[in-house]
């Protein structure tokens, strides 16, 4: 996804649910994922949906198809 995002913007959501993360045997794998993501912190934007919406709304008219 990082390579593809050099050509176009991408969004990847990560849903954290207790049914998944509440299992002790899954914690090690989840930590590996988070460590991988944070190693690339300077190349990605970690945020929440509201900030993505604010950014999109701040773009000039016509940048987003249909605007």
PDB file of N, CA and C in Angstrom:
ATOM      1  N   UNK A   1       0.826  -1.187   0.000  1.00  0.00           N
ATOM      2  CA  UNK A   1       0.000   0.000   0.000  1.00  0.00           C
ATOM      3  C   UNK A   1       0.869   1.249   0.000  1.00  0.00           C
ATOM      4  N   UNK A   2       1.999   1.209   0.710  1.00  0.00           N
ATOM      5  CA  UNK A   2       2.863   2.396   0.715  1.00  0.00           C
ATOM      6  C   UNK A   2       3.366   2.704  -0.689  1.00  0.00           C
ATOM      7  N   UNK A   3       3.755   1.677  -1.444  1.00  0.00           N
ATOM      8  CA  UNK A   3       4.221   1.901  -2.814  1.00  0.00           C
ATOM      9  C   UNK A   3       3.090   2.429  -3.686  1.00  0.00           C
ATOM     10  N   UNK A   4       1.931   1.863  -3.568  1.00  0.00           N
ATOM     11  CA  UNK A   4       0.786   2.310  -4.358  1.00  0.00           C
ATOM     12  C   UNK A   4       0.395   3.744  -3.991  1.00  0.00           C
ATOM     13  N   UNK A   5       0.552   4.113  -2.727  1.00  0.00           N
ATOM     14  CA  UNK A   5       0.161   5.461  -2.296  1.00  0.00           C
ATOM     15  C   UNK A   5       1.081   6.544  -2.857  1.00  0.00           C
ATOM     16  N   UNK A   6       2.218   6.159  -3.423  1.00  0.00           N
ATOM     17  CA  UNK A   6       3.072   7.144  -4.090  1.00  0.00           C
ATOM     18  C   UNK A   6       2.417   7.623  -5.378  1.00  0.00           C
ATOM     19  N   UNK A   7       1.529   6.807  -5.957  1.00  0.00           N
ATOM     20  CA  UNK A   7       0.840   7.167  -7.198  1.00  0.00           C
ATOM     21  C   UNK A   7      -0.508   7.827  -6.946  1.00  0.00           C
ATOM     22  N   UNK A   8      -1.164   7.444  -5.858  1.00  0.00           N
ATOM     23  CA  UNK A   8      -2.490   7.991  -5.561  1.00  0.00           C
ATOM     24  C   UNK A   8      -2.759   7.853  -4.066  1.00  0.00           C
ATOM     25  N   UNK A   9      -3.576   8.730  -3.517  1.00  0.00           N
ATOM     26  CA  UNK A   9      -3.859   8.639  -2.080  1.00  0.00           C
ATOM     27  C   UNK A   9      -4.688   7.407  -1.746  1.00  0.00           C
ATOM     28  N   UNK A  10      -4.374   6.781  -0.641  1.00  0.00           N
ATOM     29  CA  UNK A  10      -5.097   5.604  -0.178  1.00  0.00           C
ATOM     30  C   UNK A  10      -5.475   5.784   1.290  1.00  0.00           C
ATOM     31  N   UNK A  11      -6.515   5.096   1.688  1.00  0.00           N
ATOM     32  CA  UNK A  11      -6.933   5.085   3.085  1.00  0.00           C
ATOM     33  C   UNK A  11      -7.055   3.631   3.512  1.00  0.00           C
ATOM     34  N   UNK A  12      -6.505   3.318   4.666  1.00  0.00           N
ATOM     35  CA  UNK A  12      -6.635   1.973   5.222  1.00  0.00           C
ATOM     36  C   UNK A  12      -7.123   2.114   6.658  1.00  0.00           C
ATOM     37  N   UNK A  13      -8.270   1.572   6.925  1.00  0.00           N
ATOM     38  CA  UNK A  13      -8.773   1.649   8.293  1.00  0.00           C
ATOM     39  C   UNK A  13      -8.401   0.374   9.037  1.00  0.00           C
ATOM     40  N   UNK A  14      -8.145   0.540  10.306  1.00  0.00           N
ATOM     41  CA  UNK A  14      -7.868  -0.593  11.186  1.00  0.00           C
ATOM     42  C   UNK A  14      -8.898  -0.544  12.302  1.00  0.00           C
ATOM     43  N   UNK A  15      -9.728  -1.548  12.368  1.00  0.00           N
ATOM     44  CA  UNK A  15     -10.787  -1.615  13.369  1.00  0.00           C
ATOM     45  C   UNK A  15     -10.275  -2.455  14.541  1.00  0.00           C
ATOM     46  N   UNK A  16     -10.327  -1.893  15.721  1.00  0.00           N
ATOM     47  CA  UNK A  16      -9.887  -2.605  16.916  1.00  0.00           C
ATOM     48  C   UNK A  16     -11.132  -3.009  17.707  1.00  0.00           C
ATOM     49  N   UNK A  17     -11.408  -4.280  17.734  1.00  0.00           N
ATOM     50  CA  UNK A  17     -12.601  -4.783  18.410  1.00  0.00           C
ATOM     51  C   UNK A  17     -12.184  -5.777  19.488  1.00  0.00           C
ATOM     52  N   UNK A  18     -12.856  -5.725  20.614  1.00  0.00           N
ATOM     53  CA  UNK A  18     -12.496  -6.590  21.745  1.00  0.00           C
ATOM     54  C   UNK A  18     -12.670  -8.076  21.431  1.00  0.00           C
ATOM     55  N   UNK A  19     -13.553  -8.409  20.502  1.00  0.00           N
ATOM     56  CA  UNK A  19     -13.716  -9.818  20.130  1.00  0.00           C
ATOM     57  C   UNK A  19     -12.460 -10.355  19.450  1.00  0.00           C
ATOM     58  N   UNK A  20     -11.707  -9.462  18.837  1.00  0.00           N
ATOM     59  CA  UNK A  20     -10.470  -9.863  18.164  1.00  0.00           C
ATOM     60  C   UNK A  20      -9.286  -9.667  19.100  1.00  0.00           C
ATOM     61  N   UNK A  21      -9.135  -8.457  19.607  1.00  0.00           N
ATOM     62  CA  UNK A  21      -7.972  -8.159  20.446  1.00  0.00           C
ATOM     63  C   UNK A  21      -8.110  -8.666  21.873  1.00  0.00           C
ATOM     64  N   UNK A  22      -9.280  -9.072  22.245  1.00  0.00           N
ATOM     65  CA  UNK A  22      -9.485  -9.573  23.598  1.00  0.00           C
ATOM     66  C   UNK A  22      -8.967 -10.991  23.799  1.00  0.00           C
ATOM     67  N   UNK A  23      -8.422 -11.578  22.768  1.00  0.00           N
ATOM     68  CA  UNK A  23      -7.873 -12.934  22.842  1.00  0.00           C
ATOM     69  C   UNK A  23      -6.368 -12.849  23.068  1.00  0.00           C
ATOM     70  N   UNK A  24      -5.865 -13.381  24.177  1.00  0.00           N
ATOM     71  CA  UNK A  24      -4.440 -13.268  24.495  1.00  0.00           C
ATOM     72  C   UNK A  24      -3.510 -13.786  23.390  1.00  0.00           C
ATOM     73  N   UNK A  25      -3.896 -14.821  22.692  1.00  0.00           N
ATOM     74  CA  UNK A  25      -3.030 -15.388  21.662  1.00  0.00           C
ATOM     75  C   UNK A  25      -2.917 -14.477  20.433  1.00  0.00           C
ATOM     76  N   UNK A  26      -3.763 -13.476  20.326  1.00  0.00           N
ATOM     77  CA  UNK A  26      -3.696 -12.551  19.190  1.00  0.00           C
ATOM     78  C   UNK A  26      -2.839 -11.320  19.489  1.00  0.00           C
ATOM     79  N   UNK A  27      -2.521 -11.100  20.736  1.00  0.00           N
ATOM     80  CA  UNK A  27      -1.792  -9.893  21.131  1.00  0.00           C
ATOM     81  C   UNK A  27      -0.417  -9.815  20.481  1.00  0.00           C
ATOM     82  N   UNK A  28       0.307 -10.913  20.402  1.00  0.00           N
ATOM     83  CA  UNK A  28       1.640 -10.907  19.804  1.00  0.00           C
ATOM     84  C   UNK A  28       1.582 -10.455  18.340  1.00  0.00           C
ATOM     85  N   UNK A  29       0.614 -10.959  17.604  1.00  0.00           N
ATOM     86  CA  UNK A  29       0.473 -10.596  16.196  1.00  0.00           C
ATOM     87  C   UNK A  29       0.061  -9.131  16.045  1.00  0.00           C
ATOM     88  N   UNK A  30      -0.836  -8.687  16.910  1.00  0.00           N
ATOM     89  CA  UNK A  30      -1.247  -7.291  16.868  1.00  0.00           C
ATOM     90  C   UNK A  30      -0.063  -6.368  17.153  1.00  0.00           C
ATOM     91  N   UNK A  31       0.748  -6.717  18.125  1.00  0.00           N
ATOM     92  CA  UNK A  31       1.948  -5.916  18.428  1.00  0.00           C
ATOM     93  C   UNK A  31       2.876  -5.837  17.223  1.00  0.00           C
ATOM     94  N   UNK A  32       3.039  -6.941  16.514  1.00  0.00           N
ATOM     95  CA  UNK A  32       3.894  -6.943  15.313  1.00  0.00           C
ATOM     96  C   UNK A  32       3.350  -5.978  14.264  1.00  0.00           C
ATOM     97  N   UNK A  33       2.048  -5.970  14.088  1.00  0.00           N
ATOM     98  CA  UNK A  33       1.431  -5.059  13.119  1.00  0.00           C
ATOM     99  C   UNK A  33       1.676  -3.610  13.537  1.00  0.00           C
ATOM    100  N   UNK A  34       1.434  -3.298  14.787  1.00  0.00           N
ATOM    101  CA  UNK A  34       1.616  -1.922  15.281  1.00  0.00           C
ATOM    102  C   UNK A  34       3.082  -1.512  15.180  1.00  0.00           C
ATOM    103  N   UNK A  35       3.998  -2.398  15.506  1.00  0.00           N
ATOM    104  CA  UNK A  35       5.424  -2.076  15.377  1.00  0.00           C
ATOM    105  C   UNK A  35       5.799  -1.802  13.925  1.00  0.00           C
ATOM    106  N   UNK A  36       5.265  -2.588  13.015  1.00  0.00           N
ATOM    107  CA  UNK A  36       5.525  -2.373  11.587  1.00  0.00           C
ATOM    108  C   UNK A  36       5.006  -1.001  11.152  1.00  0.00           C
ATOM    109  N   UNK A  37       3.794  -0.680  11.552  1.00  0.00           N
ATOM    110  CA  UNK A  37       3.204   0.609  11.185  1.00  0.00           C
ATOM    111  C   UNK A  37       4.032   1.759  11.761  1.00  0.00           C
ATOM    112  N   UNK A  38       4.406   1.677  13.016  1.00  0.00           N
ATOM    113  CA  UNK A  38       5.137   2.784  13.634  1.00  0.00           C
ATOM    114  C   UNK A  38       6.561   2.916  13.096  1.00  0.00           C
ATOM    115  N   UNK A  39       7.140   1.858  12.564  1.00  0.00           N
ATOM    116  CA  UNK A  39       8.460   1.972  11.926  1.00  0.00           C
ATOM    117  C   UNK A  39       8.401   2.869  10.692  1.00  0.00           C
ATOM    118  N   UNK A  40       7.243   2.976  10.099  1.00  0.00           N
ATOM    119  CA  UNK A  40       7.069   3.779   8.890  1.00  0.00           C
ATOM    120  C   UNK A  40       6.292   5.066   9.177  1.00  0.00           C
ATOM    121  N   UNK A  41       6.310   5.486  10.418  1.00  0.00           N
ATOM    122  CA  UNK A  41       5.528   6.651  10.873  1.00  0.00           C
ATOM    123  C   UNK A  41       5.808   7.900  10.055  1.00  0.00           C
ATOM    124  N   UNK A  42       7.044   8.079   9.610  1.00  0.00           N
ATOM    125  CA  UNK A  42       7.392   9.283   8.857  1.00  0.00           C
ATOM    126  C   UNK A  42       6.881   9.233   7.412  1.00  0.00           C
ATOM    127  N   UNK A  43       6.382   8.082   6.973  1.00  0.00           N
ATOM    128  CA  UNK A  43       5.901   7.920   5.599  1.00  0.00           C
ATOM    129  C   UNK A  43       4.376   7.863   5.500  1.00  0.00           C
ATOM    130  N   UNK A  44       3.701   7.768   6.636  1.00  0.00           N
ATOM    131  CA  UNK A  44       2.248   7.619   6.620  1.00  0.00           C
ATOM    132  C   UNK A  44       1.607   8.639   7.556  1.00  0.00           C
ATOM    133  N   UNK A  45       0.338   8.811   7.404  1.00  0.00           N
ATOM    134  CA  UNK A  45      -0.433   9.726   8.244  1.00  0.00           C
ATOM    135  C   UNK A  45      -1.392   8.901   9.085  1.00  0.00           C
ATOM    136  N   UNK A  46      -1.100   8.796  10.368  1.00  0.00           N
ATOM    137  CA  UNK A  46      -1.993   8.098  11.295  1.00  0.00           C
ATOM    138  C   UNK A  46      -2.983   9.121  11.831  1.00  0.00           C
ATOM    139  N   UNK A  47      -4.252   8.880  11.611  1.00  0.00           N
ATOM    140  CA  UNK A  47      -5.258   9.858  12.010  1.00  0.00           C
ATOM    141  C   UNK A  47      -6.595   9.176  12.242  1.00  0.00           C
ATOM    142  N   UNK A  48      -7.622   9.953  12.392  1.00  0.00           N
ATOM    143  CA  UNK A  48      -8.970   9.407  12.564  1.00  0.00           C
ATOM    144  C   UNK A  48      -9.879   9.985  11.484  1.00  0.00           C
ATOM    145  N   UNK A  49     -11.052   9.395  11.293  1.00  0.00           N
ATOM    146  CA  UNK A  49     -11.919   9.793  10.171  1.00  0.00           C
ATOM    147  C   UNK A  49     -12.235  11.285  10.114  1.00  0.00           C
ATOM    148  N   UNK A  50     -12.408  11.922  11.248  1.00  0.00           N
ATOM    149  CA  UNK A  50     -12.731  13.351  11.252  1.00  0.00           C
ATOM    150  C   UNK A  50     -11.643  14.188  10.608  1.00  0.00           C
ATOM    151  N   UNK A  51     -10.392  13.855  10.866  1.00  0.00           N
ATOM    152  CA  UNK A  51      -9.267  14.597  10.281  1.00  0.00           C
ATOM    153  C   UNK A  51      -9.179  14.355   8.772  1.00  0.00           C
ATOM    154  N   UNK A  52      -9.492  13.154   8.327  1.00  0.00           N
ATOM    155  CA  UNK A  52      -9.503  12.869   6.888  1.00  0.00           C
ATOM    156  C   UNK A  52     -10.575  13.728   6.221  1.00  0.00           C
ATOM    157  N   UNK A  53     -11.737  13.792   6.817  1.00  0.00           N
ATOM    158  CA  UNK A  53     -12.833  14.599   6.284  1.00  0.00           C
ATOM    159  C   UNK A  53     -12.436  16.072   6.225  1.00  0.00           C
ATOM    160  N   UNK A  54     -11.827  16.602   7.289  1.00  0.00           N
ATOM    161  CA  UNK A  54     -11.374  17.994   7.302  1.00  0.00           C
ATOM    162  C   UNK A  54     -10.390  18.263   6.171  1.00  0.00           C
ATOM    163  N   UNK A  55      -9.467  17.343   5.953  1.00  0.00           N
ATOM    164  CA  UNK A  55      -8.479  17.516   4.890  1.00  0.00           C
ATOM    165  C   UNK A  55      -9.157  17.552   3.519  1.00  0.00           C
ATOM    166  N   UNK A  56     -10.053  16.606   3.277  1.00  0.00           N
ATOM    167  CA  UNK A  56     -10.742  16.544   1.992  1.00  0.00           C
ATOM    168  C   UNK A  56     -11.561  17.811   1.762  1.00  0.00           C
ATOM    169  N   UNK A  57     -12.239  18.287   2.789  1.00  0.00           N
ATOM    170  CA  UNK A  57     -13.041  19.495   2.654  1.00  0.00           C
ATOM    171  C   UNK A  57     -12.188  20.732   2.405  1.00  0.00           C
ATOM    172  N   UNK A  58     -10.908  20.697   2.786  1.00  0.00           N
ATOM    173  CA  UNK A  58     -10.028  21.860   2.590  1.00  0.00           C
ATOM    174  C   UNK A  58      -9.422  21.910   1.184  1.00  0.00           C
ATOM    175  N   UNK A  59      -9.591  20.857   0.393  1.00  0.00           N
ATOM    176  CA  UNK A  59      -9.035  20.828  -0.958  1.00  0.00           C
ATOM    177  C   UNK A  59      -9.806  21.775  -1.876  1.00  0.00           C
ATOM    178  N   UNK A  60      -9.120  22.322  -2.877  1.00  0.00           N
ATOM    179  CA  UNK A  60      -9.805  23.233  -3.808  1.00  0.00           C
ATOM    180  C   UNK A  60     -10.924  22.539  -4.574  1.00  0.00           C
ATOM    181  N   UNK A  61     -11.915  23.327  -4.959  1.00  0.00           N
ATOM    182  CA  UNK A  61     -13.047  22.830  -5.755  1.00  0.00           C
ATOM    183  C   UNK A  61     -12.528  22.145  -7.009  1.00  0.00           C
ATOM    184  N   UNK A  62     -13.051  20.972  -7.310  1.00  0.00           N
ATOM    185  CA  UNK A  62     -12.686  20.244  -8.519  1.00  0.00           C
ATOM    186  C   UNK A  62     -11.612  19.183  -8.332  1.00  0.00           C
ATOM    187  N   UNK A  63     -10.916  19.214  -7.193  1.00  0.00           N
ATOM    188  CA  UNK A  63      -9.894  18.192  -6.937  1.00  0.00           C
ATOM    189  C   UNK A  63     -10.550  16.850  -6.713  1.00  0.00           C
ATOM    190  N   UNK A  64     -11.614  16.834  -5.968  1.00  0.00           N
ATOM    191  CA  UNK A  64     -12.371  15.614  -5.699  1.00  0.00           C
ATOM    192  C   UNK A  64     -13.443  15.485  -6.780  1.00  0.00           C
ATOM    193  N   UNK A  65     -13.482  14.365  -7.492  1.00  0.00           N
ATOM    194  CA  UNK A  65     -14.513  14.192  -8.520  1.00  0.00           C
ATOM    195  C   UNK A  65     -15.903  14.409  -7.964  1.00  0.00           C
ATOM    196  N   UNK A  66     -16.693  15.187  -8.693  1.00  0.00           N
ATOM    197  CA  UNK A  66     -18.050  15.475  -8.264  1.00  0.00           C
ATOM    198  C   UNK A  66     -18.181  16.703  -7.388  1.00  0.00           C
ATOM    199  N   UNK A  67     -17.041  17.328  -7.068  1.00  0.00           N
ATOM    200  CA  UNK A  67     -17.130  18.536  -6.209  1.00  0.00           C
ATOM    201  C   UNK A  67     -17.302  19.782  -7.032  1.00  0.00           C
TER     202      UNK A  67
END
